[in-house]
Amino acid sequence: MLRLDDVSIRYSGSHVDVVDRVSIDIAEGAALGLVGESGSGKSTVARAIVGLTSVRNGSVTVAGSDVTNAKGAALAHVRATVQMVFQDPNASLHPRMTVGDAVAEAVTVRRRLSGAGLESEVARLLDLVGLPARFVDRFPFELSGGQRQRVAIARALAPQPKLLLLDEPTASLDVSVQATVLNLLRELQRELGLTYLAISHDLAVIRYLCDRVAVMELGSIKEAGPATEMFAAPRHHYTAALLDAVPRLAGRRTERIVLRGDPSDASERPPGCSFHLRCPAGPGAVDGHERCAVEVPTLAGAPHAVACHFPLAVPD
């Protein structure tokens, strides 16, 4: 359904790639989680898929069609096939449009419906996301955060897409509401055969929604593979640190994985492995670390790939 092959992205006026040779693929009906710290390039990848950001190198293929830097009919194909659900539903809904008008607008952009047919389709979409038909006359300010996100999901489903890009879809919601929205997304995937690219810094969200995970750091993929395997036994030191930072209700640890310094931005990307200055296996930790400062590691291995000269051992 989606393939990115060696995609590099550079903002206008910059001399540095903010996304550096990223390759990912998602089979139809599957869900891939893209995780990493803020500034790692996750949302930039999503924007490139829907044509909001130009790709400098590499290619983007959606449902079998090459849409790299798409324009005209190719861009229309992307936007008929791919829709986005954003982090803040309040900001993605027009405050002066009723729920019914907001969903109807999304329907008519791609589909020729009007009158009773349009009203029926709006009611069907609201029912699909768990909202009663009476909500058509309500405004966004009259809804809770979870209800607004359900409306945003209904709008995303209106053009009948095959792929949803979920950009932090529950980050602005209370924890209890997050659970109901995540359950809804799983039900919709099963019922409609949707494919998901879920972007989040919340590993619990990714663990629940996705069957595969790709970990981004400073614009590049550091580790990718089956979700169960990566959460149980990460191979990259960065992935292990992200998992170690997740709060736990039970069990005490005497030692934690501590990263050196603060995250850099792409303009400060060091030579060699972009992570080596922060890596727990840094200078003095392992023999031959000098290699990390001069040689960029290759993402290799299947189905669990890692880009590290000194990956963590696979447990027995």
Protein backbone atom coordinates (compact mmCIF):
# COMPACT_ATOMS: atom_id res chain seq x y z
CA MET A 1 0.00 0.00 0.00
CA LEU A 2 2.87 2.39 0.80
CA ARG A 3 6.55 2.28 -0.06
CA LEU A 4 9.24 4.88 0.58
CA ASP A 5 12.53 4.06 -1.09
CA ASP A 6 15.65 6.00 0.03
CA VAL A 7 13.62 9.19 0.58
CA SER A 8 15.55 12.34 1.48
CA ILE A 9 13.85 15.66 2.26
CA ARG A 10 15.43 19.08 2.54
CA TYR A 11 13.63 22.28 3.44
CA SER A 12 13.93 25.27 1.11
CA GLY A 13 17.03 27.31 1.84
CA SER A 14 18.66 24.56 3.88
CA HIS A 15 21.82 22.62 2.99
CA VAL A 16 20.99 19.63 5.21
CA ASP A 17 18.52 16.78 4.74
CA VAL A 18 15.99 16.68 7.59
CA VAL A 19 15.02 13.19 6.41
CA ASP A 20 17.97 11.12 5.26
CA ARG A 21 17.48 8.06 2.98
CA VAL A 22 14.40 6.67 4.71
CA SER A 23 12.93 3.43 3.38
CA ILE A 24 9.72 1.92 4.75
CA ASP A 25 6.93 -0.21 3.33
CA ILE A 26 3.45 -1.13 4.58
CA ALA A 27 1.42 -4.02 3.22
CA GLU A 28 -2.28 -3.54 2.55
CA GLY A 29 -4.28 -3.89 5.77
CA ALA A 30 -1.19 -3.65 8.01
CA ALA A 31 -0.20 -0.98 10.54
CA LEU A 32 3.30 0.48 10.87
CA GLY A 33 4.28 2.65 13.81
CA LEU A 34 6.84 5.43 13.25
CA VAL A 35 8.35 6.47 16.58
CA GLY A 36 11.09 8.78 17.82
CA GLU A 37 11.76 11.94 19.78
CA SER A 38 10.38 15.32 18.73
CA GLY A 39 12.31 16.60 15.72
CA SER A 40 13.28 13.14 14.49
CA GLY A 41 11.48 13.67 11.15
CA LYS A 42 8.34 11.57 11.67
CA SER A 43 5.77 14.19 10.67
CA THR A 44 7.93 15.40 7.79
CA VAL A 45 7.73 11.90 6.32
CA ALA A 46 3.92 11.99 6.58
CA ARG A 47 3.76 15.42 4.91
CA ALA A 48 5.87 14.13 2.02
CA ILE A 49 3.52 11.18 1.46
CA VAL A 50 0.53 13.49 0.87
CA GLY A 51 2.50 16.03 -1.18
CA LEU A 52 2.75 18.79 1.43
CA THR A 53 6.56 18.54 1.39
CA SER A 54 8.73 17.86 -1.66
CA VAL A 55 11.03 14.86 -1.82
CA ARG A 56 14.62 15.70 -2.83
CA ASN A 57 15.77 12.14 -3.54
CA GLY A 58 14.15 8.72 -3.57
CA SER A 59 10.59 7.73 -4.39
CA VAL A 60 7.15 7.46 -2.78
CA THR A 61 4.70 4.83 -4.05
CA VAL A 62 1.05 4.74 -2.92
CA ALA A 63 -1.18 1.82 -3.90
CA GLY A 64 1.19 0.90 -6.72
CA SER A 65 1.51 4.41 -8.21
CA ASP A 66 4.70 6.48 -8.01
CA VAL A 67 3.60 9.80 -6.49
CA THR A 68 7.03 11.32 -5.79
CA ASN A 69 6.57 15.12 -5.82
CA ALA A 70 3.09 14.47 -7.25
CA LYS A 71 1.15 17.18 -9.04
CA GLY A 72 -2.12 17.34 -10.93
CA ALA A 73 -3.77 13.95 -11.47
CA ALA A 74 -1.07 12.11 -9.51
CA LEU A 75 -1.61 14.35 -6.49
CA ALA A 76 -5.38 13.85 -6.78
CA HIS A 77 -4.73 10.09 -6.71
CA VAL A 78 -2.76 10.44 -3.48
CA ARG A 79 -5.43 12.52 -1.80
CA ALA A 80 -8.17 10.12 -2.85
CA THR A 81 -6.22 7.21 -1.41
CA VAL A 82 -4.57 8.74 1.66
CA GLN A 83 -6.07 10.83 4.45
CA MET A 84 -4.62 12.24 7.67
CA VAL A 85 -5.87 12.36 11.26
CA PHE A 86 -4.08 15.07 13.21
CA GLN A 87 -3.11 15.51 16.85
CA ASP A 88 -5.46 18.36 17.75
CA PRO A 89 -9.04 17.78 16.51
CA ASN A 90 -10.09 21.25 17.69
CA ALA A 91 -7.59 22.86 15.32
CA SER A 92 -8.55 20.60 12.40
CA LEU A 93 -12.28 21.46 12.51
CA HIS A 94 -13.78 24.77 11.40
CA PRO A 95 -15.32 26.39 14.52
CA ARG A 96 -18.23 27.88 12.54
CA MET A 97 -19.19 24.71 10.70
CA THR A 98 -21.56 22.19 12.22
CA VAL A 99 -20.51 18.57 12.45
CA GLY A 100 -22.84 17.71 9.59
CA ASP A 101 -21.46 20.44 7.34
CA ALA A 102 -17.85 19.51 8.16
CA VAL A 103 -18.36 15.85 7.27
CA ALA A 104 -20.50 16.68 4.22
CA GLU A 105 -17.75 18.96 2.90
CA ALA A 106 -15.25 16.09 3.09
CA VAL A 107 -17.69 13.80 1.27
CA THR A 108 -18.38 16.17 -1.63
CA VAL A 109 -14.70 16.97 -2.26
CA ARG A 110 -14.24 13.51 -3.79
CA ARG A 111 -17.74 12.11 -4.30
CA ARG A 112 -20.74 13.40 -6.22
CA LEU A 113 -23.46 13.20 -3.60
CA SER A 114 -26.17 15.72 -2.72
CA GLY A 115 -29.56 15.98 -1.08
CA ALA A 116 -30.86 12.88 0.70
CA GLY A 117 -27.93 10.80 -0.51
CA LEU A 118 -25.45 13.18 1.10
CA GLU A 119 -27.43 13.32 4.35
CA SER A 120 -27.56 9.54 4.47
CA GLU A 121 -23.81 9.25 3.92
CA VAL A 122 -23.05 11.80 6.67
CA ALA A 123 -25.26 9.85 9.09
CA ARG A 124 -23.50 6.61 8.09
CA LEU A 125 -20.05 8.09 8.70
CA LEU A 126 -21.06 9.44 12.10
CA ASP A 127 -22.48 6.05 13.05
CA LEU A 128 -19.25 4.43 11.86
CA VAL A 129 -17.24 6.46 14.40
CA GLY A 130 -19.78 5.99 17.20
CA LEU A 131 -21.63 9.32 17.09
CA PRO A 132 -25.44 9.60 16.95
CA ALA A 133 -27.09 11.31 13.99
CA ARG A 134 -28.29 14.19 16.21
CA PHE A 135 -24.71 15.48 16.33
CA VAL A 136 -25.05 16.86 12.78
CA ASP A 137 -26.32 20.20 14.12
CA ARG A 138 -23.66 20.63 16.81
CA PHE A 139 -20.59 22.83 16.60
CA PRO A 140 -17.08 21.73 17.63
CA PHE A 141 -17.15 23.79 20.84
CA GLU A 142 -20.18 21.75 21.98
CA LEU A 143 -18.22 18.49 21.80
CA SER A 144 -15.70 16.84 24.08
CA GLY A 145 -12.14 16.23 22.86
CA GLY A 146 -12.87 12.59 22.12
CA GLN A 147 -16.05 13.47 20.20
CA ARG A 148 -14.16 16.06 18.14
CA GLN A 149 -11.53 13.47 17.24
CA ARG A 150 -14.30 11.09 16.15
CA VAL A 151 -15.62 13.81 13.84
CA ALA A 152 -12.09 14.29 12.46
CA ILE A 153 -11.86 10.55 11.82
CA ALA A 154 -15.25 10.62 10.07
CA ARG A 155 -13.98 13.42 7.81
CA ALA A 156 -10.86 11.39 7.04
CA LEU A 157 -13.00 8.39 6.08
CA ALA A 158 -15.38 10.43 3.90
CA PRO A 159 -13.32 10.18 0.65
CA GLN A 160 -13.12 6.38 1.18
CA PRO A 161 -9.32 6.22 1.56
CA LYS A 162 -7.25 3.05 1.74
CA LEU A 163 -4.47 4.47 3.91
CA LEU A 164 -4.73 6.66 7.03
CA LEU A 165 -1.78 8.64 8.36
CA LEU A 166 -2.36 8.97 12.10
CA ASP A 167 -0.16 11.81 13.37
CA GLU A 168 -0.26 11.63 17.19
CA PRO A 169 -4.04 10.91 17.01
CA THR A 170 -4.56 10.63 20.79
CA ALA A 171 -1.87 12.94 22.18
CA SER A 172 -4.30 15.74 23.09
CA LEU A 173 -6.85 13.44 24.76
CA ASP A 174 -7.28 12.27 28.35
CA VAL A 175 -5.94 8.77 28.99
CA SER A 176 -9.40 7.20 29.37
CA VAL A 177 -10.57 8.84 26.12
CA GLN A 178 -7.38 7.72 24.35
CA ALA A 179 -8.37 4.11 24.96
CA THR A 180 -11.80 4.51 23.34
CA VAL A 181 -10.34 6.26 20.27
CA LEU A 182 -7.65 3.59 19.89
CA ASN A 183 -10.30 0.87 20.13
CA LEU A 184 -12.31 2.69 17.45
CA LEU A 185 -9.28 2.86 15.15
CA ARG A 186 -8.67 -0.88 15.52
CA GLU A 187 -12.32 -1.65 14.81
CA LEU A 188 -12.30 0.56 11.71
CA GLN A 189 -9.16 -1.12 10.43
CA ARG A 190 -10.76 -4.55 10.71
CA GLU A 191 -14.13 -3.46 9.32
CA LEU A 192 -12.86 -1.36 6.39
CA GLY A 193 -9.56 -3.10 5.64
CA LEU A 194 -7.61 0.11 6.25
CA THR A 195 -3.84 0.46 6.25
CA TYR A 196 -2.27 2.66 8.95
CA LEU A 197 0.91 4.66 9.31
CA ALA A 198 0.78 5.70 12.97
CA ILE A 199 3.18 8.42 14.11
CA SER A 200 3.71 8.86 17.82
CA HIS A 201 6.21 9.39 20.60
CA ASP A 202 3.87 7.32 22.81
CA LEU A 203 5.14 3.76 22.60
CA ALA A 204 2.03 2.39 24.33
CA VAL A 205 -0.12 3.70 21.46
CA ILE A 206 2.17 2.09 18.89
CA ARG A 207 2.30 -1.20 20.79
CA TYR A 208 -1.53 -1.34 20.77
CA LEU A 209 -2.15 -0.30 17.16
CA CYS A 210 0.75 -1.60 15.11
CA ASP A 211 2.18 -4.91 14.01
CA ARG A 212 5.48 -3.37 12.84
CA VAL A 213 7.59 -0.48 14.12
CA ALA A 214 10.24 1.81 12.61
CA VAL A 215 12.33 3.97 14.94
CA MET A 216 13.57 7.35 13.68
CA GLU A 217 16.41 9.41 15.11
CA LEU A 218 17.64 12.64 13.57
CA GLY A 219 16.03 11.95 10.20
CA SER A 220 17.00 8.32 9.66
CA ILE A 221 15.65 4.87 10.54
CA LYS A 222 17.70 3.25 13.30
CA GLU A 223 15.67 0.06 13.78
CA ALA A 224 12.66 -1.59 12.15
CA GLY A 225 10.86 -4.87 12.61
CA PRO A 226 7.92 -6.76 14.14
CA ALA A 227 6.43 -4.82 17.06
CA THR A 228 6.39 -7.73 19.51
CA GLU A 229 10.03 -8.54 18.83
CA MET A 230 11.24 -4.95 19.04
CA PHE A 231 9.42 -4.19 22.27
CA ALA A 232 10.67 -7.43 23.84
CA ALA A 233 14.27 -7.26 22.62
CA PRO A 234 15.38 -3.98 20.99
CA ARG A 235 18.66 -4.19 19.08
CA HIS A 236 19.51 -0.47 18.87
CA HIS A 237 20.64 1.49 21.93
CA TYR A 238 18.31 4.36 20.99
CA THR A 239 15.26 2.08 20.88
CA ALA A 240 16.23 0.56 24.21
CA ALA A 241 16.49 4.04 25.74
CA LEU A 242 13.05 5.04 24.42
CA LEU A 243 11.53 1.88 25.90
CA ASP A 244 13.36 2.37 29.18
CA ALA A 245 11.86 5.87 29.50
CA VAL A 246 8.28 4.55 29.50
CA PRO A 247 6.80 4.92 33.03
CA ARG A 248 6.02 1.66 34.83
CA LEU A 249 3.59 1.11 37.68
CA ALA A 250 5.33 -1.96 39.07
CA GLY A 251 8.91 -3.09 39.47
CA ARG A 252 11.85 -0.98 40.48
CA ARG A 253 15.08 -0.55 38.62
CA THR A 254 18.35 0.47 40.16
CA GLU A 255 19.83 1.51 36.81
CA ARG A 256 18.32 3.30 33.84
CA ILE A 257 19.62 3.91 30.34
CA VAL A 258 20.87 7.48 30.23
CA LEU A 259 21.47 9.24 26.93
CA ARG A 260 24.26 11.78 26.71
CA GLY A 261 23.26 15.39 26.11
CA ASP A 262 20.15 16.68 24.36
CA PRO A 263 18.70 15.78 20.95
CA SER A 264 20.36 17.67 18.09
CA ASP A 265 18.66 18.99 14.99
CA ALA A 266 19.53 17.99 11.45
CA SER A 267 21.79 21.03 10.95
CA GLU A 268 24.00 19.70 13.76
CA ARG A 269 24.07 16.08 12.58
CA PRO A 270 27.52 14.70 13.47
CA PRO A 271 29.60 12.66 11.03
CA GLY A 272 29.38 8.90 11.17
CA CYS A 273 26.44 7.52 13.14
CA SER A 274 24.13 10.44 13.96
CA PHE A 275 23.47 8.94 17.40
CA HIS A 276 27.05 8.23 18.51
CA LEU A 277 27.48 11.38 20.64
CA ARG A 278 24.49 10.40 22.80
CA CYS A 279 24.90 6.63 22.71
CA PRO A 280 25.31 4.73 26.02
CA ALA A 281 27.83 2.55 24.19
CA GLY A 282 29.93 5.65 23.49
CA PRO A 283 33.66 6.36 23.89
CA GLY A 284 35.22 4.01 26.41
CA ALA A 285 32.15 1.76 26.53
CA VAL A 286 33.09 -0.58 23.70
CA ASP A 287 36.30 -1.27 21.80
CA GLY A 288 36.41 0.22 18.33
CA HIS A 289 33.93 2.99 19.04
CA GLU A 290 35.99 5.26 16.76
CA ARG A 291 34.21 3.58 13.86
CA CYS A 292 30.90 5.12 14.99
CA ALA A 293 32.31 8.64 14.60
CA VAL A 294 33.34 8.19 10.98
CA GLU A 295 31.21 5.46 9.39
CA VAL A 296 27.44 5.64 8.88
CA PRO A 297 25.91 2.26 9.82
CA THR A 298 23.67 0.52 7.28
CA LEU A 299 20.16 -0.59 8.18
CA ALA A 300 20.40 -4.34 7.69
CA GLY A 301 18.67 -7.54 8.73
CA ALA A 302 15.30 -9.15 8.11
CA PRO A 303 12.68 -9.13 9.41
CA HIS A 304 14.31 -7.19 12.29
CA ALA A 305 16.71 -4.59 10.88
CA VAL A 306 19.12 -2.40 12.85
CA ALA A 307 21.54 0.38 11.87
CA CYS A 308 24.28 0.04 14.48
CA HIS A 309 27.92 -1.03 14.46
CA PHE A 310 27.53 -2.47 17.98
CA PRO A 311 23.91 -3.63 18.30
CA LEU A 312 22.51 -5.07 21.50
CA ALA A 313 22.74 -8.84 21.78
CA VAL A 314 19.73 -11.00 21.03
CA PRO A 315 18.67 -12.68 24.30
CA ASP A 316 18.79 -16.48 24.48
